[in-house]
Amino acid sequence: MMMQNQSAVAAYAMAGEAVRTDRSRERDAVARVTRMLKEARESGDRVETAKAVATQYRLWSMFFTDLSVPGNSLPEQLRKQLTTISAVVLQNADYKPGEEVDFEFHINVNEAIMEGLQGG
């Protein structure tokens, strides 16, 4: 019986994953990166910082690329605003070891994006 319950839970989890929206996946990705940034800020560890900022850079590179795809379904004005935000985030995430990272900037931008993704 225990095995059947575990199978049922796994099946529901997979079904739930299948119906997740792009928005919820994007929000989850931004939340994971934000946690990484917060942990790096708290620890002060340079390796953790480099990983968090590199992950932030990759995430926002994907957003920037997606926003420039001709078939992107977002309204044009919103795409322009998000493209501008993406460019600024990418510039600030161009991390070189030993440089200071503006964690507050990255965390605040990510939290604002998460809020927007949650709201719609």
N, C-alpha and C. Protein backbone atom coordinates (compact mmCIF):
# COMPACT_ATOMS: atom_id res chain seq x y z
N MET A 1 0.83 -1.19 0.00
CA MET A 1 0.00 0.00 0.00
C MET A 1 0.87 1.26 0.00
N MET A 2 1.97 1.22 0.76
CA MET A 2 2.87 2.35 0.81
C MET A 2 3.43 2.65 -0.57
N MET A 3 3.76 1.63 -1.33
CA MET A 3 4.32 1.81 -2.66
C MET A 3 3.29 2.43 -3.60
N GLN A 4 2.02 2.04 -3.46
CA GLN A 4 0.97 2.62 -4.29
C GLN A 4 0.81 4.11 -3.98
N ASN A 5 0.86 4.47 -2.71
CA ASN A 5 0.75 5.87 -2.33
C ASN A 5 1.88 6.69 -2.91
N GLN A 6 3.08 6.16 -2.87
CA GLN A 6 4.23 6.86 -3.43
C GLN A 6 4.07 7.02 -4.94
N SER A 7 3.55 5.99 -5.59
CA SER A 7 3.33 6.08 -7.03
C SER A 7 2.27 7.12 -7.37
N ALA A 8 1.22 7.16 -6.55
CA ALA A 8 0.17 8.15 -6.79
C ALA A 8 0.69 9.56 -6.60
N VAL A 9 1.47 9.76 -5.56
CA VAL A 9 2.05 11.08 -5.30
C VAL A 9 2.95 11.48 -6.47
N ALA A 10 3.76 10.56 -6.94
CA ALA A 10 4.65 10.84 -8.07
C ALA A 10 3.85 11.18 -9.33
N ALA A 11 2.77 10.45 -9.56
CA ALA A 11 1.93 10.70 -10.74
C ALA A 11 1.29 12.08 -10.66
N TYR A 12 0.77 12.44 -9.49
CA TYR A 12 0.19 13.78 -9.33
C TYR A 12 1.24 14.85 -9.51
N ALA A 13 2.42 14.61 -9.00
CA ALA A 13 3.49 15.59 -9.15
C ALA A 13 3.84 15.79 -10.61
N MET A 14 3.91 14.69 -11.37
CA MET A 14 4.22 14.81 -12.80
C MET A 14 3.09 15.51 -13.53
N ALA A 15 1.85 15.21 -13.18
CA ALA A 15 0.71 15.87 -13.82
C ALA A 15 0.73 17.36 -13.52
N GLY A 16 1.04 17.70 -12.28
CA GLY A 16 1.13 19.11 -11.91
C GLY A 16 2.22 19.82 -12.67
N GLU A 17 3.33 19.16 -12.86
CA GLU A 17 4.44 19.75 -13.62
C GLU A 17 4.03 19.97 -15.07
N ALA A 18 3.25 19.05 -15.63
CA ALA A 18 2.86 19.16 -17.03
C ALA A 18 1.98 20.37 -17.28
N VAL A 19 1.18 20.78 -16.29
CA VAL A 19 0.28 21.90 -16.50
C VAL A 19 0.84 23.22 -15.99
N ARG A 20 2.04 23.20 -15.47
CA ARG A 20 2.65 24.45 -15.02
C ARG A 20 2.82 25.38 -16.20
N THR A 21 2.62 26.64 -15.95
CA THR A 21 2.74 27.63 -17.02
C THR A 21 4.19 28.08 -17.17
N ASP A 22 4.45 28.69 -18.30
CA ASP A 22 5.77 29.28 -18.51
C ASP A 22 6.05 30.32 -17.43
N ARG A 23 5.02 31.07 -17.06
CA ARG A 23 5.18 32.09 -16.03
C ARG A 23 5.63 31.49 -14.71
N SER A 24 5.03 30.37 -14.32
CA SER A 24 5.40 29.77 -13.04
C SER A 24 6.81 29.20 -13.10
N ARG A 25 7.18 28.64 -14.25
CA ARG A 25 8.56 28.13 -14.39
C ARG A 25 9.55 29.29 -14.35
N GLU A 26 9.22 30.39 -15.02
CA GLU A 26 10.09 31.57 -14.99
C GLU A 26 10.20 32.11 -13.57
N ARG A 27 9.08 32.17 -12.88
CA ARG A 27 9.09 32.67 -11.50
C ARG A 27 9.95 31.78 -10.61
N ASP A 28 9.83 30.48 -10.78
CA ASP A 28 10.64 29.54 -9.99
C ASP A 28 12.13 29.72 -10.29
N ALA A 29 12.47 29.93 -11.55
CA ALA A 29 13.88 30.12 -11.92
C ALA A 29 14.42 31.40 -11.30
N VAL A 30 13.63 32.47 -11.36
CA VAL A 30 14.07 33.74 -10.77
C VAL A 30 14.19 33.59 -9.25
N ALA A 31 13.27 32.86 -8.65
CA ALA A 31 13.32 32.64 -7.19
C ALA A 31 14.58 31.87 -6.80
N ARG A 32 14.93 30.84 -7.58
CA ARG A 32 16.15 30.07 -7.28
C ARG A 32 17.39 30.95 -7.36
N VAL A 33 17.47 31.76 -8.40
CA VAL A 33 18.64 32.64 -8.56
C VAL A 33 18.67 33.67 -7.44
N THR A 34 17.51 34.18 -7.06
CA THR A 34 17.45 35.16 -5.98
C THR A 34 17.94 34.55 -4.67
N ARG A 35 17.54 33.31 -4.41
CA ARG A 35 18.05 32.62 -3.21
C ARG A 35 19.56 32.48 -3.26
N MET A 36 20.08 32.13 -4.43
CA MET A 36 21.54 32.01 -4.58
C MET A 36 22.22 33.34 -4.28
N LEU A 37 21.66 34.43 -4.80
CA LEU A 37 22.23 35.75 -4.56
C LEU A 37 22.20 36.12 -3.09
N LYS A 38 21.09 35.83 -2.43
CA LYS A 38 20.98 36.13 -1.00
C LYS A 38 21.96 35.31 -0.18
N GLU A 39 22.10 34.03 -0.53
CA GLU A 39 23.05 33.18 0.19
C GLU A 39 24.48 33.65 -0.02
N ALA A 40 24.81 34.06 -1.24
CA ALA A 40 26.15 34.57 -1.53
C ALA A 40 26.41 35.87 -0.77
N ARG A 41 25.41 36.73 -0.74
CA ARG A 41 25.55 37.99 0.01
C ARG A 41 25.80 37.70 1.49
N GLU A 42 25.06 36.77 2.04
CA GLU A 42 25.19 36.45 3.47
C GLU A 42 26.53 35.79 3.78
N SER A 43 26.97 34.90 2.91
CA SER A 43 28.21 34.15 3.18
C SER A 43 29.46 34.97 2.90
N GLY A 44 29.38 35.84 1.90
CA GLY A 44 30.56 36.59 1.50
C GLY A 44 31.58 35.73 0.76
N ASP A 45 31.23 34.50 0.47
CA ASP A 45 32.13 33.57 -0.21
C ASP A 45 32.27 33.96 -1.68
N ARG A 46 33.51 34.12 -2.14
CA ARG A 46 33.75 34.56 -3.52
C ARG A 46 33.30 33.54 -4.55
N VAL A 47 33.49 32.25 -4.25
CA VAL A 47 33.06 31.22 -5.21
C VAL A 47 31.54 31.20 -5.31
N GLU A 48 30.88 31.26 -4.17
CA GLU A 48 29.42 31.29 -4.15
C GLU A 48 28.91 32.54 -4.87
N THR A 49 29.58 33.65 -4.67
CA THR A 49 29.21 34.89 -5.35
C THR A 49 29.36 34.75 -6.85
N ALA A 50 30.48 34.20 -7.29
CA ALA A 50 30.71 34.02 -8.73
C ALA A 50 29.65 33.12 -9.35
N LYS A 51 29.29 32.04 -8.66
CA LYS A 51 28.26 31.13 -9.17
C LYS A 51 26.90 31.82 -9.25
N ALA A 52 26.56 32.55 -8.20
CA ALA A 52 25.25 33.22 -8.18
C ALA A 52 25.15 34.27 -9.28
N VAL A 53 26.19 35.06 -9.43
CA VAL A 53 26.16 36.13 -10.44
C VAL A 53 26.20 35.53 -11.85
N ALA A 54 26.94 34.45 -12.03
CA ALA A 54 26.98 33.78 -13.34
C ALA A 54 25.60 33.20 -13.68
N THR A 55 24.94 32.67 -12.68
CA THR A 55 23.60 32.11 -12.90
C THR A 55 22.62 33.24 -13.21
N GLN A 56 22.74 34.36 -12.52
CA GLN A 56 21.91 35.53 -12.81
C GLN A 56 22.15 35.98 -14.26
N TYR A 57 23.38 36.01 -14.67
CA TYR A 57 23.72 36.43 -16.03
C TYR A 57 23.08 35.49 -17.07
N ARG A 58 23.21 34.18 -16.83
CA ARG A 58 22.62 33.21 -17.77
C ARG A 58 21.10 33.35 -17.84
N LEU A 59 20.46 33.50 -16.69
CA LEU A 59 19.00 33.65 -16.66
C LEU A 59 18.56 34.88 -17.45
N TRP A 60 19.19 36.00 -17.18
CA TRP A 60 18.80 37.23 -17.86
C TRP A 60 19.21 37.24 -19.32
N SER A 61 20.23 36.50 -19.68
CA SER A 61 20.59 36.34 -21.10
C SER A 61 19.47 35.60 -21.83
N MET A 62 18.93 34.58 -21.16
CA MET A 62 17.81 33.85 -21.76
C MET A 62 16.59 34.75 -21.90
N PHE A 63 16.30 35.55 -20.87
CA PHE A 63 15.18 36.48 -20.95
C PHE A 63 15.39 37.46 -22.12
N PHE A 64 16.59 38.02 -22.20
CA PHE A 64 16.90 38.99 -23.24
C PHE A 64 16.70 38.37 -24.63
N THR A 65 17.20 37.15 -24.79
CA THR A 65 17.05 36.46 -26.07
C THR A 65 15.59 36.20 -26.38
N ASP A 66 14.84 35.70 -25.39
CA ASP A 66 13.43 35.40 -25.59
C ASP A 66 12.64 36.66 -25.94
N LEU A 67 12.98 37.76 -25.33
CA LEU A 67 12.28 39.01 -25.59
C LEU A 67 12.50 39.51 -27.01
N SER A 68 13.60 39.12 -27.63
CA SER A 68 13.91 39.61 -28.97
C SER A 68 13.40 38.68 -30.08
N VAL A 69 12.82 37.55 -29.70
CA VAL A 69 12.29 36.62 -30.70
C VAL A 69 11.03 37.23 -31.32
N PRO A 70 10.96 37.24 -32.65
CA PRO A 70 9.81 37.87 -33.32
C PRO A 70 8.45 37.34 -32.84
N GLY A 71 8.34 36.08 -32.47
CA GLY A 71 7.06 35.53 -32.07
C GLY A 71 6.72 35.73 -30.60
N ASN A 72 7.50 36.50 -29.87
CA ASN A 72 7.23 36.72 -28.45
C ASN A 72 5.84 37.35 -28.30
N SER A 73 5.03 36.77 -27.43
CA SER A 73 3.63 37.19 -27.32
C SER A 73 3.38 38.35 -26.36
N LEU A 74 4.41 38.82 -25.68
CA LEU A 74 4.21 39.95 -24.77
C LEU A 74 3.90 41.22 -25.56
N PRO A 75 3.13 42.12 -24.97
CA PRO A 75 2.88 43.40 -25.64
C PRO A 75 4.20 44.14 -25.90
N GLU A 76 4.23 44.87 -27.01
CA GLU A 76 5.47 45.53 -27.44
C GLU A 76 6.07 46.44 -26.37
N GLN A 77 5.24 47.24 -25.72
CA GLN A 77 5.75 48.17 -24.70
C GLN A 77 6.39 47.41 -23.54
N LEU A 78 5.76 46.34 -23.09
CA LEU A 78 6.31 45.53 -22.00
C LEU A 78 7.62 44.88 -22.44
N ARG A 79 7.66 44.37 -23.67
CA ARG A 79 8.91 43.78 -24.19
C ARG A 79 10.04 44.80 -24.17
N LYS A 80 9.74 46.02 -24.60
CA LYS A 80 10.77 47.07 -24.61
C LYS A 80 11.27 47.35 -23.20
N GLN A 81 10.34 47.46 -22.25
CA GLN A 81 10.73 47.73 -20.87
C GLN A 81 11.58 46.59 -20.31
N LEU A 82 11.15 45.36 -20.55
CA LEU A 82 11.90 44.21 -20.04
C LEU A 82 13.25 44.05 -20.73
N THR A 83 13.32 44.41 -22.00
CA THR A 83 14.60 44.36 -22.71
C THR A 83 15.57 45.36 -22.10
N THR A 84 15.09 46.55 -21.76
CA THR A 84 15.94 47.56 -21.12
C THR A 84 16.41 47.06 -19.76
N ILE A 85 15.50 46.51 -18.98
CA ILE A 85 15.87 45.96 -17.67
C ILE A 85 16.89 44.85 -17.84
N SER A 86 16.66 43.98 -18.81
CA SER A 86 17.59 42.87 -19.06
C SER A 86 18.99 43.38 -19.37
N ALA A 87 19.07 44.40 -20.21
CA ALA A 87 20.37 44.95 -20.58
C ALA A 87 21.11 45.50 -19.36
N VAL A 88 20.39 46.17 -18.48
CA VAL A 88 21.01 46.73 -17.28
C VAL A 88 21.46 45.61 -16.33
N VAL A 89 20.60 44.61 -16.17
CA VAL A 89 20.97 43.47 -15.31
C VAL A 89 22.21 42.78 -15.86
N LEU A 90 22.24 42.55 -17.16
CA LEU A 90 23.41 41.89 -17.76
C LEU A 90 24.68 42.71 -17.57
N GLN A 91 24.57 44.01 -17.72
CA GLN A 91 25.73 44.87 -17.51
C GLN A 91 26.22 44.76 -16.06
N ASN A 92 25.30 44.74 -15.12
CA ASN A 92 25.66 44.65 -13.71
C ASN A 92 26.08 43.25 -13.29
N ALA A 93 25.75 42.25 -14.08
CA ALA A 93 26.11 40.88 -13.75
C ALA A 93 27.39 40.44 -14.48
N ASP A 94 28.03 41.36 -15.17
CA ASP A 94 29.30 41.06 -15.84
C ASP A 94 30.40 41.10 -14.78
N TYR A 95 30.42 40.07 -13.98
CA TYR A 95 31.25 40.00 -12.77
C TYR A 95 32.69 39.57 -13.06
N LYS A 96 33.60 40.27 -12.44
CA LYS A 96 35.02 39.90 -12.48
C LYS A 96 35.43 39.62 -11.03
N PRO A 97 36.13 38.51 -10.80
CA PRO A 97 36.54 38.19 -9.43
C PRO A 97 37.24 39.39 -8.77
N GLY A 98 36.87 39.63 -7.54
CA GLY A 98 37.44 40.73 -6.79
C GLY A 98 36.61 42.00 -6.84
N GLU A 99 35.70 42.08 -7.82
CA GLU A 99 34.83 43.25 -7.91
C GLU A 99 33.70 43.14 -6.89
N GLU A 100 33.16 44.27 -6.55
CA GLU A 100 31.99 44.30 -5.68
C GLU A 100 30.75 43.94 -6.50
N VAL A 101 29.84 43.23 -5.87
CA VAL A 101 28.57 42.89 -6.51
C VAL A 101 27.48 43.69 -5.81
N ASP A 102 26.64 44.32 -6.59
CA ASP A 102 25.50 45.05 -6.03
C ASP A 102 24.35 44.06 -5.84
N PHE A 103 24.46 43.29 -4.76
CA PHE A 103 23.45 42.27 -4.48
C PHE A 103 22.06 42.87 -4.38
N GLU A 104 21.95 44.03 -3.73
CA GLU A 104 20.64 44.64 -3.54
C GLU A 104 19.97 44.93 -4.88
N PHE A 105 20.74 45.43 -5.83
CA PHE A 105 20.19 45.70 -7.16
C PHE A 105 19.61 44.43 -7.76
N HIS A 106 20.42 43.38 -7.81
CA HIS A 106 19.99 42.12 -8.43
C HIS A 106 18.79 41.51 -7.71
N ILE A 107 18.84 41.50 -6.40
CA ILE A 107 17.76 40.91 -5.61
C ILE A 107 16.47 41.71 -5.80
N ASN A 108 16.58 43.03 -5.76
CA ASN A 108 15.39 43.88 -5.93
C ASN A 108 14.76 43.72 -7.31
N VAL A 109 15.59 43.68 -8.35
CA VAL A 109 15.06 43.49 -9.70
C VAL A 109 14.37 42.13 -9.78
N ASN A 110 15.02 41.09 -9.30
CA ASN A 110 14.44 39.75 -9.37
C ASN A 110 13.13 39.68 -8.59
N GLU A 111 13.09 40.28 -7.41
CA GLU A 111 11.86 40.24 -6.62
C GLU A 111 10.73 41.00 -7.31
N ALA A 112 11.03 42.08 -7.98
CA ALA A 112 10.01 42.81 -8.72
C ALA A 112 9.49 41.96 -9.89
N ILE A 113 10.39 41.26 -10.55
CA ILE A 113 9.98 40.40 -11.67
C ILE A 113 9.13 39.24 -11.14
N MET A 114 9.53 38.65 -10.02
CA MET A 114 8.74 37.56 -9.42
C MET A 114 7.33 38.04 -9.09
N GLU A 115 7.24 39.24 -8.55
CA GLU A 115 5.94 39.81 -8.20
C GLU A 115 5.07 39.96 -9.45
N GLY A 116 5.69 40.46 -10.52
CA GLY A 116 4.96 40.60 -11.78
C GLY A 116 4.53 39.27 -12.37
N LEU A 117 5.39 38.28 -12.27
CA LEU A 117 5.04 36.95 -12.79
C LEU A 117 3.94 36.31 -11.94
N GLN A 118 3.94 36.60 -10.66
CA GLN A 118 2.92 36.05 -9.76
C GLN A 118 1.56 36.69 -10.04
N GLY A 119 1.58 37.97 -10.37
CA GLY A 119 0.34 38.72 -10.51
C GLY A 119 -0.49 38.39 -11.73
N GLY A 120 0.10 37.73 -12.72
CA GLY A 120 -0.70 37.53 -13.93
C GLY A 120 -0.90 36.18 -14.24
